[in-house]
Protein backbone atom coordinates (compact mmCIF):
# COMPACT_ATOMS: atom_id res chain seq x y z
CA UNK A 1 94.96 104.26 143.93
CA UNK A 2 98.61 104.44 142.99
CA UNK A 3 100.63 107.61 142.50
CA UNK A 4 102.78 107.29 139.37
CA UNK A 5 104.11 110.82 138.98
CA UNK A 6 104.53 113.67 141.43
CA UNK A 7 105.60 116.90 139.80
CA UNK A 8 105.10 120.64 139.54
CA UNK A 9 105.37 120.56 135.74
CA UNK A 10 101.93 120.88 134.11
CA UNK A 11 103.33 119.89 130.70
CA UNK A 12 104.58 116.56 132.06
CA UNK A 13 101.20 115.87 133.64
CA UNK A 14 99.31 116.79 130.49
CA UNK A 15 101.53 114.59 128.32
CA UNK A 16 101.26 111.68 130.75
CA UNK A 17 97.47 111.97 130.82
CA UNK A 18 97.35 112.04 127.00
CA UNK A 19 99.46 108.88 126.80
CA UNK A 20 97.24 107.11 129.31
CA UNK A 21 94.05 108.27 127.61
CA UNK A 22 95.30 106.90 124.27
CA UNK A 23 95.89 103.57 126.02
CA UNK A 24 92.37 103.76 127.48
CA UNK A 25 93.68 103.99 131.04
CA UNK A 26 91.78 106.39 133.28
CA UNK A 27 93.97 108.74 135.31
CA UNK A 28 93.28 111.31 138.00
CA UNK A 29 95.11 114.47 139.08
CA UNK A 30 95.34 115.08 142.81
CA UNK A 31 96.39 118.25 144.64
CA UNK A 32 95.47 120.60 141.79
CA UNK A 33 93.50 122.91 144.08
CA UNK A 34 96.03 122.69 146.91
CA UNK A 35 98.83 123.99 144.73
CA UNK A 36 96.65 126.87 143.50
CA UNK A 37 95.54 127.83 147.02
CA UNK A 38 99.12 127.71 148.25
CA UNK A 39 100.05 130.32 145.66
CA UNK A 40 103.31 128.57 144.99
CA UNK A 41 104.19 125.69 142.71
CA UNK A 42 107.19 124.65 144.78
CA UNK A 43 105.38 123.62 147.94
CA UNK A 44 102.63 121.29 146.73
CA UNK A 45 103.41 118.94 143.87
CA UNK A 46 100.55 117.55 141.81
CA UNK A 47 100.04 113.80 141.63
CA UNK A 48 99.03 111.64 138.69
CA UNK A 49 97.09 108.64 139.98
CA UNK A 50 95.67 105.45 138.46
CA UNK A 51 93.64 102.64 139.98
CA UNK A 52 95.65 99.72 141.36
CA UNK A 53 94.63 97.33 138.59
CA UNK A 54 96.04 99.65 135.89
CA UNK A 55 99.41 100.31 137.51
CA UNK A 56 101.58 97.87 135.54
CA UNK A 57 100.12 98.78 132.16
CA UNK A 58 100.21 102.51 132.96
CA UNK A 59 103.89 102.31 133.93
CA UNK A 60 104.67 100.52 130.66
CA UNK A 61 102.80 103.15 128.64
CA UNK A 62 104.53 106.05 130.39
CA UNK A 63 107.97 104.46 130.08
CA UNK A 64 107.40 103.82 126.37
CA UNK A 65 106.36 107.47 126.03
CA UNK A 66 109.66 108.68 127.48
CA UNK A 67 108.46 109.49 130.99
CA UNK A 68 110.31 106.70 132.78
CA UNK A 69 112.49 109.17 134.69
CA UNK A 70 109.38 110.90 136.06
CA UNK A 71 107.83 107.74 137.51
CA UNK A 72 107.82 107.17 141.24
CA UNK A 73 109.50 103.87 141.99
CA UNK A 74 107.17 101.17 143.37
């Protein structure tokens, strides 16, 4: 699995997931429970993950959707 975005912004994650869903790319959110248990959104950032085979297409979709600045560089 590849991490494409690591952020504390739930709106960014929701938008990114919507873009990927429209492109029929399955995505996964990691660290959702860790950030809740921590009680702070500044310590544990949530990660948007895709399977390795979808990385290139997912990056293209997210860049086209205006999230290029949010992407973790490969």
